[in-house]
């Protein structure tokens, strides 16, 4: 990878991680508070999601008009909008894991980077899940 792309990747990842920390989304208790509709519901995650959707909407609109990314690579956007059983099952697994742990991959990496045991455990389980998928994927129809 070229130094400029390596630096850009690092800078974007750092900005994302800082955003997760500043918004409180790296705190599993805050995420679980959002998911606790019957208890002390914390709507702050909804505001973070709305902001992300707004930014993503305009970013994808701009990206769809380009053939190359800002650093010169070929633009690669999702080609399919189909809702498949694999997509639904993967979404369900993601949602259940997120609801149980209060952590999703981005905040998990932030927590692991800070050497917080819960984050290290989550990232280890995430990697194990990826390995299980690699083994099982060729066997599924």
C-alpha atoms as a PDB file:
ATOM      1  CA  UNK A   1       0.000   0.000   0.000  1.00  0.00           C
ATOM      2  CA  UNK A   2       1.306   3.438  -0.918  1.00  0.00           C
ATOM      3  CA  UNK A   3       2.271   5.734   1.989  1.00  0.00           C
ATOM      4  CA  UNK A   4      -0.472   8.266   1.131  1.00  0.00           C
ATOM      5  CA  UNK A   5      -3.158   5.564   1.172  1.00  0.00           C
ATOM      6  CA  UNK A   6      -1.731   4.061   4.339  1.00  0.00           C
ATOM      7  CA  UNK A   7      -1.789   7.454   6.062  1.00  0.00           C
ATOM      8  CA  UNK A   8      -5.331   8.166   4.777  1.00  0.00           C
ATOM      9  CA  UNK A   9      -6.522   4.793   6.079  1.00  0.00           C
ATOM     10  CA  UNK A  10      -4.934   5.486   9.455  1.00  0.00           C
ATOM     11  CA  UNK A  11      -6.382   9.019   9.621  1.00  0.00           C
ATOM     12  CA  UNK A  12      -9.920   7.896   8.717  1.00  0.00           C
ATOM     13  CA  UNK A  13      -9.769   5.018  11.210  1.00  0.00           C
ATOM     14  CA  UNK A  14      -8.476   7.356  13.914  1.00  0.00           C
ATOM     15  CA  UNK A  15     -11.217   9.889  13.180  1.00  0.00           C
ATOM     16  CA  UNK A  16     -13.837   7.123  13.326  1.00  0.00           C
ATOM     17  CA  UNK A  17     -12.456   5.830  16.637  1.00  0.00           C
ATOM     18  CA  UNK A  18     -12.370   9.309  18.139  1.00  0.00           C
ATOM     19  CA  UNK A  19     -15.948   9.843  16.968  1.00  0.00           C
ATOM     20  CA  UNK A  20     -17.014   6.631  18.714  1.00  0.00           C
ATOM     21  CA  UNK A  21     -15.305   7.714  21.928  1.00  0.00           C
ATOM     22  CA  UNK A  22     -16.656  11.291  21.866  1.00  0.00           C
ATOM     23  CA  UNK A  23     -20.212  10.107  21.109  1.00  0.00           C
ATOM     24  CA  UNK A  24     -20.007   7.528  23.900  1.00  0.00           C
ATOM     25  CA  UNK A  25     -20.700   4.648  21.523  1.00  0.00           C
ATOM     26  CA  UNK A  26     -17.608   2.768  22.707  1.00  0.00           C
ATOM     27  CA  UNK A  27     -19.331   2.424  26.094  1.00  0.00           C
ATOM     28  CA  UNK A  28     -21.392  -0.807  26.045  1.00  0.00           C
ATOM     29  CA  UNK A  29     -23.623   0.498  28.867  1.00  0.00           C
ATOM     30  CA  UNK A  30     -24.678   3.442  26.695  1.00  0.00           C
ATOM     31  CA  UNK A  31     -25.553   1.152  23.787  1.00  0.00           C
ATOM     32  CA  UNK A  32     -27.464  -1.228  26.052  1.00  0.00           C
ATOM     33  CA  UNK A  33     -29.297   1.819  27.468  1.00  0.00           C
ATOM     34  CA  UNK A  34     -30.504   2.580  23.946  1.00  0.00           C
ATOM     35  CA  UNK A  35     -31.724  -0.988  23.514  1.00  0.00           C
ATOM     36  CA  UNK A  36     -33.545  -0.964  26.886  1.00  0.00           C
ATOM     37  CA  UNK A  37     -36.912   0.330  25.672  1.00  0.00           C
ATOM     38  CA  UNK A  38     -38.755  -0.792  28.815  1.00  0.00           C
ATOM     39  CA  UNK A  39     -36.278   0.719  31.277  1.00  0.00           C
ATOM     40  CA  UNK A  40     -34.155   3.866  31.379  1.00  0.00           C
ATOM     41  CA  UNK A  41     -34.042   4.377  27.618  1.00  0.00           C
ATOM     42  CA  UNK A  42     -31.113   6.481  26.334  1.00  0.00           C
ATOM     43  CA  UNK A  43     -31.942   8.008  22.913  1.00  0.00           C
ATOM     44  CA  UNK A  44     -28.412   9.332  22.237  1.00  0.00           C
ATOM     45  CA  UNK A  45     -27.547   6.408  19.931  1.00  0.00           C
ATOM     46  CA  UNK A  46     -30.516   7.344  17.738  1.00  0.00           C
ATOM     47  CA  UNK A  47     -29.005  10.813  17.298  1.00  0.00           C
ATOM     48  CA  UNK A  48     -25.620   9.314  16.403  1.00  0.00           C
ATOM     49  CA  UNK A  49     -27.321   6.982  13.903  1.00  0.00           C
ATOM     50  CA  UNK A  50     -29.290   9.869  12.365  1.00  0.00           C
ATOM     51  CA  UNK A  51     -26.068  11.841  11.932  1.00  0.00           C
ATOM     52  CA  UNK A  52     -24.339   8.836  10.349  1.00  0.00           C
ATOM     53  CA  UNK A  53     -27.257   8.247   7.983  1.00  0.00           C
ATOM     54  CA  UNK A  54     -27.202  11.895   6.951  1.00  0.00           C
ATOM     55  CA  UNK A  55     -23.469  11.865   6.241  1.00  0.00           C
ATOM     56  CA  UNK A  56     -23.689   8.457   4.538  1.00  0.00           C
ATOM     57  CA  UNK A  57     -26.595   9.534   2.338  1.00  0.00           C
ATOM     58  CA  UNK A  58     -24.671  12.422   0.820  1.00  0.00           C
ATOM     59  CA  UNK A  59     -21.390  10.492   0.660  1.00  0.00           C
ATOM     60  CA  UNK A  60     -22.997   7.614  -1.264  1.00  0.00           C
ATOM     61  CA  UNK A  61     -24.770  10.049  -3.596  1.00  0.00           C
ATOM     62  CA  UNK A  62     -21.454  11.722  -4.409  1.00  0.00           C
ATOM     63  CA  UNK A  63     -19.632   8.393  -4.711  1.00  0.00           C
ATOM     64  CA  UNK A  64     -22.229   7.001  -7.123  1.00  0.00           C
ATOM     65  CA  UNK A  65     -21.361   9.781  -9.563  1.00  0.00           C
ATOM     66  CA  UNK A  66     -17.635   8.992  -9.542  1.00  0.00           C
ATOM     67  CA  UNK A  67     -15.646   6.268 -11.257  1.00  0.00           C
ATOM     68  CA  UNK A  68     -12.590   6.664  -9.015  1.00  0.00           C
ATOM     69  CA  UNK A  69     -12.169   7.273  -5.294  1.00  0.00           C
ATOM     70  CA  UNK A  70     -10.442  10.379  -3.953  1.00  0.00           C
ATOM     71  CA  UNK A  71      -7.046   8.631  -3.870  1.00  0.00           C
ATOM     72  CA  UNK A  72      -7.392   7.204  -7.383  1.00  0.00           C
ATOM     73  CA  UNK A  73      -8.624   3.642  -6.812  1.00  0.00           C
ATOM     74  CA  UNK A  74     -11.576   2.292  -8.787  1.00  0.00           C
ATOM     75  CA  UNK A  75     -14.861   3.124  -7.045  1.00  0.00           C
ATOM     76  CA  UNK A  76     -16.402  -0.036  -5.559  1.00  0.00           C
ATOM     77  CA  UNK A  77     -19.995   0.322  -4.400  1.00  0.00           C
ATOM     78  CA  UNK A  78     -22.459  -2.476  -3.591  1.00  0.00           C
ATOM     79  CA  UNK A  79     -24.029  -3.798  -6.795  1.00  0.00           C
ATOM     80  CA  UNK A  80     -26.942  -5.697  -5.267  1.00  0.00           C
ATOM     81  CA  UNK A  81     -29.924  -4.434  -3.309  1.00  0.00           C
ATOM     82  CA  UNK A  82     -31.472  -7.890  -2.936  1.00  0.00           C
ATOM     83  CA  UNK A  83     -32.701  -8.981   0.489  1.00  0.00           C
ATOM     84  CA  UNK A  84     -31.547 -12.589   0.684  1.00  0.00           C
ATOM     85  CA  UNK A  85     -31.854 -15.199   3.436  1.00  0.00           C
ATOM     86  CA  UNK A  86     -28.087 -14.848   4.012  1.00  0.00           C
ATOM     87  CA  UNK A  87     -28.479 -11.100   4.526  1.00  0.00           C
ATOM     88  CA  UNK A  88     -31.388 -11.569   6.945  1.00  0.00           C
ATOM     89  CA  UNK A  89     -29.585 -14.300   8.908  1.00  0.00           C
ATOM     90  CA  UNK A  90     -26.378 -12.271   9.091  1.00  0.00           C
ATOM     91  CA  UNK A  91     -28.314  -9.203  10.226  1.00  0.00           C
ATOM     92  CA  UNK A  92     -30.089 -11.232  12.912  1.00  0.00           C
ATOM     93  CA  UNK A  93     -26.805 -12.661  14.189  1.00  0.00           C
ATOM     94  CA  UNK A  94     -25.240  -9.207  14.219  1.00  0.00           C
ATOM     95  CA  UNK A  95     -28.227  -7.715  16.064  1.00  0.00           C
ATOM     96  CA  UNK A  96     -28.369 -10.469  18.674  1.00  0.00           C
ATOM     97  CA  UNK A  97     -24.636 -10.189  19.334  1.00  0.00           C
ATOM     98  CA  UNK A  98     -24.872  -6.417  19.527  1.00  0.00           C
ATOM     99  CA  UNK A  99     -27.816  -6.625  21.922  1.00  0.00           C
ATOM    100  CA  UNK A 100     -26.121  -9.146  24.190  1.00  0.00           C
ATOM    101  CA  UNK A 101     -22.728  -7.466  24.326  1.00  0.00           C
ATOM    102  CA  UNK A 102     -23.593  -3.817  23.693  1.00  0.00           C
ATOM    103  CA  UNK A 103     -20.628  -3.781  21.318  1.00  0.00           C
ATOM    104  CA  UNK A 104     -20.384  -3.857  17.539  1.00  0.00           C
ATOM    105  CA  UNK A 105     -17.158  -4.193  15.509  1.00  0.00           C
ATOM    106  CA  UNK A 106     -16.073  -0.526  15.470  1.00  0.00           C
ATOM    107  CA  UNK A 107     -16.403   0.082  19.205  1.00  0.00           C
ATOM    108  CA  UNK A 108     -15.012  -3.414  19.826  1.00  0.00           C
ATOM    109  CA  UNK A 109     -11.803  -2.437  18.058  1.00  0.00           C
ATOM    110  CA  UNK A 110     -11.666   0.830  20.025  1.00  0.00           C
ATOM    111  CA  UNK A 111     -12.058  -1.075  23.304  1.00  0.00           C
ATOM    112  CA  UNK A 112      -9.502  -3.705  22.264  1.00  0.00           C
ATOM    113  CA  UNK A 113      -7.076  -0.960  21.228  1.00  0.00           C
ATOM    114  CA  UNK A 114      -7.423   0.458  24.733  1.00  0.00           C
ATOM    115  CA  UNK A 115      -6.684  -3.053  26.080  1.00  0.00           C
ATOM    116  CA  UNK A 116     -10.059  -3.226  27.841  1.00  0.00           C
ATOM    117  CA  UNK A 117     -10.756  -6.920  28.544  1.00  0.00           C
ATOM    118  CA  UNK A 118     -14.357  -6.755  27.305  1.00  0.00           C
ATOM    119  CA  UNK A 119     -13.131  -5.375  23.969  1.00  0.00           C
ATOM    120  CA  UNK A 120     -10.363  -7.958  23.666  1.00  0.00           C
ATOM    121  CA  UNK A 121     -12.877 -10.732  24.338  1.00  0.00           C
ATOM    122  CA  UNK A 122     -15.317  -9.276  21.817  1.00  0.00           C
ATOM    123  CA  UNK A 123     -12.689  -8.951  19.071  1.00  0.00           C
ATOM    124  CA  UNK A 124     -11.488 -12.512  19.776  1.00  0.00           C
ATOM    125  CA  UNK A 125     -15.071 -13.785  19.472  1.00  0.00           C
ATOM    126  CA  UNK A 126     -15.541 -11.725  16.300  1.00  0.00           C
ATOM    127  CA  UNK A 127     -12.440 -13.260  14.716  1.00  0.00           C
ATOM    128  CA  UNK A 128     -13.585 -16.740  15.769  1.00  0.00           C
ATOM    129  CA  UNK A 129     -16.960 -16.047  14.136  1.00  0.00           C
ATOM    130  CA  UNK A 130     -15.232 -14.978  10.918  1.00  0.00           C
ATOM    131  CA  UNK A 131     -13.190 -18.183  10.910  1.00  0.00           C
ATOM    132  CA  UNK A 132     -16.309 -20.303  11.493  1.00  0.00           C
ATOM    133  CA  UNK A 133     -17.980 -18.492   8.589  1.00  0.00           C
ATOM    134  CA  UNK A 134     -15.004 -19.224   6.328  1.00  0.00           C
ATOM    135  CA  UNK A 135     -15.303 -22.933   7.133  1.00  0.00           C
ATOM    136  CA  UNK A 136     -19.093 -23.132   6.863  1.00  0.00           C
ATOM    137  CA  UNK A 137     -19.688 -20.779   3.910  1.00  0.00           C
ATOM    138  CA  UNK A 138     -18.614 -23.231   1.183  1.00  0.00           C
ATOM    139  CA  UNK A 139     -20.890 -25.881   2.710  1.00  0.00           C
ATOM    140  CA  UNK A 140     -24.047 -23.712   2.601  1.00  0.00           C
ATOM    141  CA  UNK A 141     -26.324 -23.603  -0.462  1.00  0.00           C
END
